[in-house]
Protein backbone atom coordinates (compact mmCIF):
# COMPACT_ATOMS: atom_id res chain seq x y z
CA MET A 1 6.77 -149.51 -46.08
CA ASP A 2 5.31 -149.77 -42.70
CA VAL A 3 1.98 -151.20 -43.52
CA LEU A 4 -0.07 -152.14 -46.21
CA LEU A 5 -3.41 -151.95 -45.05
CA VAL A 6 -6.94 -152.96 -46.94
CA LEU A 7 -9.69 -151.48 -45.50
CA ALA A 8 -12.53 -154.29 -46.24
CA VAL A 9 -16.32 -152.24 -46.02
CA ASP A 10 -19.61 -153.99 -45.87
CA ILE A 11 -21.97 -152.90 -48.60
CA SER A 12 -24.40 -155.84 -47.78
CA TYR A 13 -27.94 -155.00 -47.89
CA SER A 14 -28.71 -155.08 -43.96
CA MET A 15 -26.60 -151.62 -44.28
CA ASP A 16 -28.86 -148.80 -44.84
CA PRO A 17 -27.65 -146.23 -47.01
CA ASP A 18 -27.03 -143.70 -44.42
CA GLU A 19 -25.40 -146.44 -42.44
CA GLN A 20 -23.15 -146.58 -45.36
CA ALA A 21 -22.32 -142.81 -45.68
CA LEU A 22 -21.85 -142.57 -42.30
CA GLN A 23 -19.06 -145.72 -42.61
CA ARG A 24 -17.58 -144.11 -45.62
CA GLU A 25 -17.28 -140.81 -44.17
CA GLY A 26 -15.66 -141.82 -41.03
CA TYR A 27 -13.04 -143.61 -43.22
CA ALA A 28 -12.58 -140.47 -45.45
CA SER A 29 -12.45 -137.96 -42.18
CA ALA A 30 -9.92 -140.40 -40.37
CA LEU A 31 -7.29 -139.95 -43.19
CA VAL A 32 -7.13 -136.48 -43.00
CA SER A 33 -7.33 -136.32 -38.96
CA THR A 34 -4.00 -135.08 -36.91
CA GLU A 35 -4.30 -138.02 -34.58
CA PHE A 36 -4.11 -140.20 -38.05
CA LEU A 37 -1.35 -138.26 -39.48
CA ASN A 38 0.83 -137.85 -36.41
CA ALA A 39 0.55 -141.80 -36.30
CA LEU A 40 1.43 -142.16 -39.64
CA LYS A 41 5.02 -139.68 -38.81
CA LEU A 42 5.77 -142.03 -35.74
CA GLY A 43 6.81 -145.42 -38.07
CA PRO A 44 9.84 -146.19 -38.98
CA ASN A 45 9.14 -145.10 -42.99
CA GLY A 46 6.21 -142.69 -42.37
CA ARG A 47 4.92 -144.26 -45.57
CA ILE A 48 1.98 -146.50 -45.68
CA ALA A 49 -0.24 -148.05 -48.55
CA ILE A 50 -4.19 -148.12 -48.51
CA THR A 51 -6.58 -149.95 -50.50
CA TYR A 52 -10.33 -149.71 -49.99
CA VAL A 53 -12.49 -152.44 -50.91
CA GLU A 54 -16.18 -153.09 -50.64
CA TRP A 55 -17.60 -156.76 -50.43
CA ALA A 56 -21.09 -158.36 -49.34
CA GLY A 57 -21.55 -161.81 -50.73
CA GLU A 58 -19.22 -164.42 -51.83
CA ARG A 59 -18.64 -163.30 -55.33
CA GLU A 60 -19.12 -159.49 -54.33
CA GLN A 61 -15.67 -158.04 -53.92
CA GLN A 62 -14.91 -154.61 -55.50
CA VAL A 63 -11.73 -152.52 -55.25
CA ILE A 64 -13.15 -149.12 -55.02
CA VAL A 65 -9.79 -147.39 -54.54
CA PRO A 66 -6.49 -149.12 -55.82
CA TRP A 67 -3.49 -149.10 -53.74
CA HIS A 68 -2.48 -145.51 -53.00
CA LEU A 69 0.54 -144.44 -51.05
CA VAL A 70 0.03 -141.99 -47.86
CA ASP A 71 3.09 -140.10 -46.67
CA GLY A 72 1.76 -137.23 -45.66
CA PRO A 73 -1.60 -134.73 -45.51
CA ASP A 74 -1.36 -134.16 -49.51
CA THR A 75 -1.55 -137.79 -50.25
CA ALA A 76 -4.03 -138.46 -47.19
CA GLN A 77 -6.37 -135.79 -48.65
CA LEU A 78 -6.43 -137.65 -52.07
CA LEU A 79 -7.21 -140.83 -50.86
CA SER A 80 -9.72 -139.26 -48.79
CA GLU A 81 -11.59 -137.53 -51.62
CA ARG A 82 -11.43 -140.37 -53.92
CA ILE A 83 -13.32 -142.15 -51.48
CA ARG A 84 -15.89 -139.69 -51.04
CA SER A 85 -16.25 -139.54 -54.94
CA VAL A 86 -17.44 -143.31 -55.20
CA PRO A 87 -21.27 -143.93 -55.47
CA LEU A 88 -22.97 -145.83 -52.68
CA ARG A 89 -24.12 -149.60 -53.45
CA ARG A 90 -25.55 -152.51 -51.92
CA ALA A 91 -25.36 -155.95 -52.81
CA TYR A 92 -26.68 -159.46 -51.29
CA ARG A 93 -25.07 -161.78 -48.68
CA THR A 94 -22.23 -161.44 -46.37
CA SER A 95 -19.38 -163.31 -46.71
CA ILE A 96 -16.31 -162.01 -44.71
CA SER A 97 -14.56 -165.52 -45.47
CA SER A 98 -14.53 -164.35 -49.21
CA VAL A 99 -13.58 -160.74 -48.18
CA ILE A 100 -10.44 -162.05 -46.01
CA LEU A 101 -9.65 -164.51 -49.07
CA PHE A 102 -9.98 -161.81 -51.55
CA ALA A 103 -7.85 -159.28 -49.91
CA SER A 104 -5.26 -161.46 -48.69
CA GLY A 105 -4.34 -161.80 -52.53
CA LEU A 106 -4.06 -158.30 -52.85
CA PHE A 107 -0.85 -157.34 -50.61
CA LYS A 108 1.05 -159.48 -53.50
CA GLN A 109 -0.41 -157.28 -56.01
CA SER A 110 0.73 -154.01 -54.52
CA GLY A 111 3.93 -153.74 -55.75
CA TYR A 112 4.93 -152.60 -52.09
CA ARG A 113 6.39 -154.19 -49.20
CA ALA A 114 5.85 -154.01 -45.95
CA LEU A 115 6.75 -154.48 -42.31
CA ARG A 116 3.24 -155.50 -41.38
CA ASN A 117 0.11 -156.37 -43.87
CA VAL A 118 -3.00 -155.74 -42.26
CA ILE A 119 -6.89 -156.55 -43.18
CA ASP A 120 -9.41 -154.27 -41.26
CA VAL A 121 -12.63 -156.26 -41.48
CA SER A 122 -15.76 -153.42 -40.89
CA GLY A 123 -19.36 -155.02 -40.90
CA ASP A 124 -22.89 -155.46 -39.14
CA GLY A 125 -23.44 -159.22 -39.65
CA VAL A 126 -21.91 -162.73 -39.54
CA ASN A 127 -20.41 -164.88 -42.15
CA ASN A 128 -23.19 -166.65 -44.02
CA HIS A 129 -22.16 -167.11 -47.53
CA GLY A 130 -18.98 -168.98 -49.07
CA PRO A 131 -16.00 -170.84 -47.19
CA PRO A 132 -16.37 -171.23 -42.74
CA VAL A 133 -14.66 -167.71 -41.71
CA THR A 134 -12.26 -169.74 -39.56
CA ARG A 135 -10.56 -171.52 -42.54
CA ALA A 136 -10.14 -168.03 -44.26
CA ARG A 137 -9.21 -166.21 -41.28
CA ASP A 138 -6.21 -168.87 -40.16
CA GLU A 139 -5.29 -168.93 -44.13
CA ALA A 140 -4.59 -165.48 -43.76
CA VAL A 141 -2.53 -165.74 -40.28
CA ARG A 142 -0.74 -168.57 -42.01
CA GLN A 143 0.38 -165.81 -44.51
CA GLY A 144 1.63 -163.36 -41.69
CA ILE A 145 -1.34 -161.28 -42.22
CA THR A 146 -3.35 -159.16 -39.29
CA ILE A 147 -6.97 -158.74 -39.21
CA ASN A 148 -8.76 -156.26 -37.14
CA GLY A 149 -12.35 -156.03 -36.90
CA LEU A 150 -15.20 -153.42 -36.80
CA PRO A 151 -18.45 -154.95 -35.57
CA LEU A 152 -21.39 -152.23 -36.51
CA MET A 153 -23.85 -153.20 -33.66
CA LEU A 154 -26.25 -150.34 -34.59
CA LYS A 155 -29.14 -152.53 -34.95
CA ARG A 156 -29.19 -154.88 -32.17
CA SER A 157 -32.94 -154.14 -31.02
CA MET A 158 -34.35 -155.06 -34.42
CA ASN A 159 -34.57 -158.52 -33.45
CA SER A 160 -33.96 -159.25 -37.46
CA ALA A 161 -33.77 -163.09 -38.45
CA LEU A 162 -30.40 -162.53 -39.22
CA ASP A 163 -29.26 -160.31 -36.31
CA VAL A 164 -26.77 -161.48 -33.58
CA PRO A 165 -26.44 -159.70 -30.40
CA GLU A 166 -22.98 -160.84 -29.46
CA LEU A 167 -21.29 -159.92 -32.78
CA ASP A 168 -18.41 -158.10 -31.09
CA VAL A 169 -17.94 -161.83 -29.23
CA TYR A 170 -18.11 -163.22 -33.01
CA TYR A 171 -15.63 -161.04 -34.13
CA GLU A 172 -13.46 -161.43 -31.60
CA ASP A 173 -13.92 -165.69 -31.77
CA CYS A 174 -14.03 -166.38 -35.37
CA VAL A 175 -12.72 -163.56 -37.46
CA ILE A 176 -9.96 -161.45 -36.32
CA GLY A 177 -6.03 -162.94 -35.87
CA GLY A 178 -2.51 -162.30 -35.88
CA PRO A 179 0.02 -160.53 -34.51
CA GLY A 180 -1.51 -158.01 -32.16
CA ALA A 181 -5.13 -158.14 -33.77
CA PHE A 182 -7.80 -156.34 -32.13
CA VAL A 183 -11.88 -155.29 -32.04
CA ILE A 184 -13.40 -152.08 -31.85
CA PRO A 185 -17.34 -152.52 -31.15
CA VAL A 186 -19.43 -149.70 -32.51
CA ARG A 187 -22.86 -149.37 -30.65
CA THR A 188 -24.42 -146.07 -31.71
CA ARG A 189 -24.43 -144.43 -34.71
CA GLU A 190 -22.63 -141.33 -32.64
CA GLU A 191 -19.52 -143.33 -32.22
CA VAL A 192 -18.68 -144.62 -35.61
CA VAL A 193 -16.40 -141.74 -36.91
CA ARG A 194 -14.23 -142.02 -33.87
CA ALA A 195 -13.94 -145.69 -33.56
CA ILE A 196 -12.82 -145.84 -37.40
CA LYS A 197 -10.18 -143.10 -36.41
CA THR A 198 -9.28 -144.98 -33.58
CA LYS A 199 -8.98 -148.14 -35.60
CA MET A 200 -6.87 -146.93 -38.14
CA VAL A 201 -4.57 -144.46 -35.74
CA LEU A 202 -3.96 -147.95 -33.78
CA GLU A 203 -3.29 -149.97 -37.08
CA VAL A 204 -0.61 -147.17 -38.47
CA ALA A 205 1.15 -147.17 -34.94
CA GLY A 206 0.87 -150.95 -34.69
CA VAL A 207 -0.63 -150.93 -31.33
CA LYS A 208 -3.43 -153.14 -29.60
CA PRO A 209 -5.80 -151.52 -27.42
CA LYS A 210 -6.25 -152.56 -23.91
CA PRO A 211 -8.82 -155.13 -23.89
CA ALA A 212 -12.25 -154.35 -22.03
CA PRO A 213 -12.73 -156.45 -18.64
CA ARG A 214 -15.10 -159.41 -19.69
CA ILE A 215 -16.42 -162.31 -17.76
CA ILE A 216 -16.54 -165.58 -19.02
CA PRO A 217 -19.16 -168.77 -17.60
CA ALA A 218 -16.99 -171.21 -16.50
CA ALA A 219 -19.24 -173.94 -18.05
CA ASP A 220 -18.96 -171.98 -21.45
CA PRO A 221 -16.01 -172.03 -22.86
CA ALA A 222 -17.08 -171.61 -26.62
CA ARG A 223 -18.70 -168.26 -26.57
CA ILE A 224 -20.45 -168.75 -29.60
CA SER A 225 -20.42 -170.68 -33.07
CA CYS A 226 -18.36 -169.63 -35.82
CA LEU A 227 -20.72 -171.50 -37.97
CA ILE A 228 -23.84 -169.45 -36.60
CA GLY A 229 -24.82 -167.44 -39.66
CA GLU A 230 -24.52 -170.61 -41.80
CA ARG A 231 -26.96 -172.38 -39.43
CA ILE A 232 -29.35 -169.10 -39.05
CA TRP A 233 -29.69 -168.97 -43.07
CA GLN A 234 -30.13 -172.31 -43.45
CA GLU A 235 -32.89 -172.26 -40.42
CA ASN A 236 -35.06 -169.15 -42.15
CA TRP A 237 -34.43 -169.67 -45.90
CA ASN A 238 -33.25 -173.04 -46.91
CA ASN A 239 -36.19 -175.30 -45.67
């Protein structure tokens, strides 16, 4: 097996139903795209396994589609249809740390062994529930797992109390980790489906995208606090 891939998809209430549907469609359509199927054939074995997980708060992780072997168009089509068939739901809070820990345990339950184990986290907010996200990330990396990120930055102008404009930086500094880890930020609705397809092609191919140039102020080596979500929640709801 080339890759075991956990698709960990945010269903917190900050995601409106239209965004959830668009995110779901992005994964379903990526699986049957020519680019994804070509990347699949390039692997040494031409076989991967995927499980689709939805998550929100500390105790809100649910396997929507169990481990599914993908080795060509037919099995990819079946998985795409299964993902589309599940009703949408939403839940409270955002615990990236808990879904990383939950997803890490799924690899041993898969019944497969692969060259790479990857957790693919997509979401539109920072960790504000459960353990610190860096603790979960570091534990997963110690197990040889790679964590990639798809920060959904579609509402950056709404100025919500929980909004963090630098969500891509947060994902880069606090969420992703392991060999070849990368982040693909999504800033408009039009980018969602394309970004998901690009991300999945790269994950199957085992290729890390070239980073865009970024200027980091010399006086600010710590770009963002990895506890920013917990602090915002405490300031707004725990007073």
